[in-house]
Protein backbone atom coordinates (compact mmCIF):
# COMPACT_ATOMS: atom_id res chain seq x y z
CA MET A 1 63.66 51.86 23.56
CA ARG A 2 64.91 50.07 26.60
CA GLU A 3 62.49 48.24 28.96
CA ILE A 4 62.68 46.76 31.98
CA VAL A 5 59.84 43.97 33.33
CA LEU A 6 60.12 43.50 36.89
CA ASP A 7 58.28 42.09 39.76
CA THR A 8 58.88 41.57 43.73
CA GLU A 9 57.58 39.35 46.21
CA THR A 10 57.78 41.04 49.66
CA THR A 11 56.60 39.64 53.23
CA GLY A 12 53.66 41.94 53.16
CA PHE A 13 52.36 44.87 52.10
CA GLU A 14 53.48 47.77 53.72
CA PRO A 15 57.48 48.45 54.06
CA HIS A 16 56.66 51.22 56.83
CA GLU A 17 55.37 48.49 58.82
CA GLY A 18 58.27 45.99 58.68
CA ASP A 19 57.21 44.53 55.59
CA ARG A 20 61.08 43.94 53.02
CA ILE A 21 61.27 42.58 49.89
CA VAL A 22 62.86 38.89 49.64
CA GLU A 23 62.95 38.61 46.06
CA ILE A 24 63.49 40.72 42.65
CA GLY A 25 62.75 39.35 39.15
CA ALA A 26 63.01 41.55 35.86
CA VAL A 27 63.38 41.08 32.01
CA GLU A 28 65.16 43.55 29.87
CA LEU A 29 63.31 44.44 26.39
CA MET A 30 64.69 46.53 23.40
CA GLY A 31 62.52 47.89 21.36
CA HIS A 32 59.81 45.41 22.82
CA VAL A 33 61.90 42.33 22.15
CA PRO A 34 63.16 40.31 25.00
CA THR A 35 66.89 40.20 25.13
CA GLY A 36 67.40 37.23 27.05
CA ARG A 37 68.88 39.41 29.86
CA THR A 38 67.61 39.27 33.07
CA TYR A 39 68.03 39.75 36.19
CA HIS A 40 67.00 38.09 39.65
CA GLN A 41 68.02 37.98 43.34
CA TYR A 42 66.89 36.18 46.39
CA ILE A 43 67.08 38.87 49.64
CA ASN A 44 67.68 38.21 53.27
CA PRO A 45 64.53 40.50 54.90
CA GLN A 46 66.11 40.37 58.21
CA ARG A 47 63.07 39.40 59.97
CA SER A 48 60.46 36.51 60.21
CA MET A 49 57.97 35.41 57.48
CA PRO A 50 54.19 35.80 57.95
CA ALA A 51 52.43 32.63 57.22
CA GLU A 52 50.26 34.79 54.73
CA ALA A 53 53.04 35.66 52.53
CA PHE A 54 54.74 32.45 52.45
CA GLY A 55 51.24 30.99 51.33
CA VAL A 56 51.46 33.05 48.16
CA HIS A 57 54.94 33.17 47.01
CA GLY A 58 56.31 29.85 49.16
CA ILE A 59 59.76 31.93 49.81
CA GLY A 60 61.59 31.59 53.10
CA PRO A 61 60.35 28.51 55.07
CA ASP A 62 63.54 28.90 57.24
CA LEU A 63 61.94 32.31 58.15
CA LEU A 64 58.41 31.23 59.94
CA GLU A 65 58.11 30.94 63.21
CA PRO A 66 59.09 28.15 63.74
CA PRO A 67 60.79 27.31 61.11
CA GLN A 68 60.31 25.06 58.56
CA GLU A 69 62.62 22.47 56.67
CA PRO A 70 62.55 23.48 52.68
CA LYS A 71 61.01 21.12 50.50
CA PRO A 72 62.53 20.35 46.96
CA GLY A 73 62.62 23.63 45.20
CA GLN A 74 61.77 25.96 48.19
CA GLU A 75 64.29 29.22 48.33
CA THR A 76 65.44 29.27 52.08
CA LEU A 77 66.60 32.79 52.79
CA ARG A 78 68.97 33.23 55.76
CA ASP A 79 71.91 32.84 53.76
CA LYS A 80 71.07 35.64 50.83
CA PRO A 81 72.61 38.93 50.85
CA LEU A 82 71.00 41.66 51.99
CA PHE A 83 69.69 44.65 49.61
CA LYS A 84 71.98 46.92 50.79
CA ASP A 85 74.55 44.23 49.20
CA ILE A 86 72.58 43.68 45.99
CA ALA A 87 71.66 47.70 45.83
CA GLN A 88 74.11 48.75 43.29
CA ASP A 89 73.99 45.63 41.14
CA PHE A 90 70.39 46.38 40.68
CA VAL A 91 70.33 50.18 39.77
CA ASP A 92 72.77 49.67 37.57
CA PHE A 93 70.53 46.78 35.57
CA VAL A 94 67.80 48.94 36.18
CA GLY A 95 69.41 52.00 34.72
CA ASP A 96 67.14 54.83 33.07
CA ALA A 97 65.10 52.42 31.41
CA LYS A 98 61.29 52.24 31.79
CA LEU A 99 60.44 49.87 34.20
CA VAL A 100 57.03 48.04 33.61
CA ILE A 101 55.11 46.82 36.45
CA HIS A 102 51.89 45.26 36.97
CA ASN A 103 50.09 47.17 39.94
CA ALA A 104 53.38 49.70 39.83
CA ALA A 105 52.38 51.73 42.81
CA PHE A 106 53.18 48.29 45.18
CA ASP A 107 56.49 46.89 43.80
CA MET A 108 57.75 51.02 43.71
CA LYS A 109 56.87 51.85 47.22
CA PHE A 110 58.55 48.67 48.70
CA LEU A 111 61.84 49.06 45.99
CA ASN A 112 61.90 53.39 46.99
CA ALA A 113 61.55 52.22 50.66
CA GLU A 114 64.53 49.86 50.46
CA LEU A 115 66.48 52.91 48.35
CA GLY A 116 65.66 55.41 51.17
CA TRP A 117 66.68 53.58 53.53
CA LEU A 118 69.98 53.07 52.47
CA ASN A 119 70.02 57.17 51.89
CA ARG A 120 70.26 56.57 48.24
CA PRO A 121 68.12 58.02 45.28
CA LEU A 122 64.81 56.94 44.66
CA LEU A 123 63.16 55.85 41.32
CA PRO A 124 60.73 58.38 40.12
CA MET A 125 57.24 57.26 39.94
CA ASP A 126 57.36 58.35 36.00
CA GLN A 127 59.74 55.84 35.51
CA ALA A 128 57.31 53.33 36.31
CA LEU A 129 54.35 51.81 33.40
CA ASP A 130 51.37 49.86 34.97
CA THR A 131 49.95 47.25 33.07
CA LEU A 132 47.24 46.95 35.72
CA ALA A 133 46.15 50.84 34.65
CA ILE A 134 46.64 49.79 31.00
CA ALA A 135 44.70 46.48 31.17
CA ARG A 136 42.01 48.02 33.10
CA ARG A 137 41.62 51.07 30.52
CA LYS A 138 41.60 48.15 27.69
CA PHE A 139 39.00 46.25 28.87
CA PRO A 140 37.11 48.04 31.44
CA GLY A 141 34.73 45.77 34.07
CA SER A 142 37.20 42.71 33.46
CA PRO A 143 39.33 41.00 35.56
CA ALA A 144 42.81 42.35 35.25
CA SER A 145 45.06 40.14 37.33
CA LEU A 146 47.84 38.70 35.86
CA ASP A 147 46.35 34.99 35.45
CA ALA A 148 43.29 36.57 34.17
CA LEU A 149 45.54 38.58 31.58
CA CYS A 150 47.18 35.12 30.77
CA ARG A 151 43.94 33.49 29.76
CA ARG A 152 42.48 36.42 27.74
CA PHE A 153 45.48 36.09 25.79
CA ALA A 154 46.15 32.60 25.84
CA ILE A 155 49.36 32.73 27.28
CA ASP A 156 50.59 29.67 29.15
CA ASN A 157 50.92 30.07 32.55
CA SER A 158 50.48 26.23 33.80
CA SER A 159 54.00 26.52 35.88
CA ARG A 160 52.88 29.93 38.08
CA THR A 161 51.59 27.63 41.20
CA LEU A 162 52.69 30.11 43.12
CA HIS A 163 53.94 33.68 42.78
CA GLY A 164 57.85 34.21 41.55
CA ALA A 165 59.67 37.47 40.72
CA LEU A 166 61.43 35.99 37.72
CA LEU A 167 58.87 34.13 36.46
CA ASP A 168 55.98 36.33 37.00
CA SER A 169 58.16 39.04 35.00
CA GLU A 170 58.48 36.79 32.24
CA ILE A 171 54.82 36.30 32.14
CA LEU A 172 54.72 39.89 32.20
CA ALA A 173 56.19 40.66 29.70
CA GLU A 174 54.33 38.51 27.20
CA VAL A 175 50.98 39.95 28.54
CA TYR A 176 52.62 43.44 27.79
CA LEU A 177 53.65 42.98 24.23
CA GLU A 178 49.70 42.04 24.03
CA LEU A 179 48.59 44.84 25.77
CA ILE A 180 50.11 46.80 23.31
CA GLY A 181 49.15 45.33 20.25
CA GLY A 182 51.60 42.23 20.13
CA ARG A 183 55.05 41.20 18.80
CA GLN A 184 54.93 43.33 15.52
CA PRO A 185 56.91 46.30 16.69
CA ASP A 186 60.41 45.86 15.81
CA PHE A 187 60.71 42.17 15.13
CA ALA A 188 62.15 42.16 12.05
CA LEU A 189 65.28 43.84 13.74
CA ALA A 190 65.24 41.54 17.01
CA ALA A 191 68.21 39.67 15.89
CA ASP A 192 70.17 42.94 15.90
CA THR A 193 68.68 44.76 18.88
CA ARG A 194 70.18 41.26 20.73
CA SER A 195 72.83 41.52 19.56
CA GLN A 196 73.47 45.40 20.56
CA ALA A 197 71.91 44.46 24.47
CA ALA A 198 74.40 41.83 24.86
CA GLY A 199 77.35 44.58 24.41
CA GLY A 200 77.36 45.35 20.71
CA GLN A 201 78.71 48.97 19.81
CA SER A 202 77.04 49.81 16.37
CA ASP A 203 74.50 52.64 16.29
CA GLU A 204 70.51 51.80 16.82
CA TRP A 205 69.08 51.32 13.05
CA ARG A 206 67.17 53.74 11.12
CA PRO A 207 66.50 53.75 8.06
CA MET A 208 68.20 56.66 5.34
CA PRO A 209 67.24 57.78 2.19
CA ARG A 210 69.47 56.46 -0.72
CA PRO A 211 72.38 59.33 -1.58
CA GLU A 212 71.71 58.75 -5.03
CA PRO A 213 68.10 56.86 -6.19
CA LEU A 214 68.15 54.00 -8.40
CA ALA A 215 67.75 54.08 -11.71
CA PRO A 216 64.72 53.21 -13.17
CA LYS A 217 64.24 50.00 -14.74
CA LEU A 218 61.26 51.09 -17.19
CA THR A 219 62.73 51.95 -20.78
CA LYS A 220 61.34 55.23 -22.72
CA GLU A 221 59.70 53.03 -25.29
CA GLU A 222 57.81 50.98 -21.88
CA ALA A 223 56.71 54.47 -20.35
CA ALA A 224 55.51 55.82 -23.82
CA ALA A 225 53.83 52.54 -24.87
CA HIS A 226 52.05 52.71 -21.12
CA ALA A 227 51.20 56.44 -21.60
CA ALA A 228 49.02 55.73 -25.15
CA PHE A 229 47.43 52.89 -23.28
CA ILE A 230 45.89 54.80 -20.68
CA GLU A 231 45.38 57.30 -23.24
CA GLN A 232 43.06 54.94 -25.18
CA LEU A 233 40.85 54.51 -21.83
CA GLY A 234 39.09 58.09 -21.96
CA ASP A 235 39.19 61.26 -19.88
CA GLY A 236 37.46 59.32 -16.83
CA VAL A 237 40.30 56.92 -15.84
CA ILE A 238 41.65 56.86 -12.35
CA TRP A 239 45.25 56.82 -13.59
CA LYS A 240 44.82 60.35 -14.81
CA ASN A 241 43.88 62.07 -11.99
C-alpha cells in the first residue's frame, strides 16, 4: 500500500481570496514504512507575502512589503517556479496514493484550487486521510495539533521552530504511524519494500502454502510413546479434547 504524507505552506487561508501555495513537502510510505523518497518544492505565488503568514513559516522575505533581505536559512521565492511549472511533477509523484494530511480539508482546498486554475483534474477528497480527524476520534477532548501529538508520542520536533512543508511531513509520518498503532505493520519487510520503491520490479511479497508439506520430524516410535503417556493421564486431560 503506497501512501504520501503531505503538507503545504501558503500565503493565507483562502485560495479564492487570492492566497496561494508557496511550499509543498511530501514523504512516501510503502506498507506504512518510509521508503526514503520525498517530494519538496518551493513555489512563487506571484503575490506579496502577508506578514502573518511569514511569521508562521518564514518563507519569502523578498515578497514582504517592503521586501526584506533574507537571513541565513530563509527561502526567497521570486526565483522559484510557478505552480504551473511543477504541477505535472507533483501529480506524477502523488499518483493515486492515499494522501495522509493533518487537517486535510485545508491542503486539499489549496491543491485543488491550484489544479483547477490550470484546468487540470482535481484530487478526489476521498483520496485524503485526515490525521487531525483520527487524533480527535482517538483522543477526544485532547489537543490534536501536530506539536501536541509529538508531545503525546515523545517524537522529537525540536527542529520545528517554524512551519516547513517537508519537515512537517516527516514529523507527521512518525505521528501517523503512532496513530495507527506504531511501526509494527510490515516492519520485517521494510528492506524489501524500499527496494521495490527504488525501482525494483519484483511482485509484492505474499506468504504462500508449500506445494509439498514438510516431512514430519517426529518418528513413529516417538508418536506412539507420546500417545501412551497421554493415556496414562486419564480421561480429563486437555490433550484429549
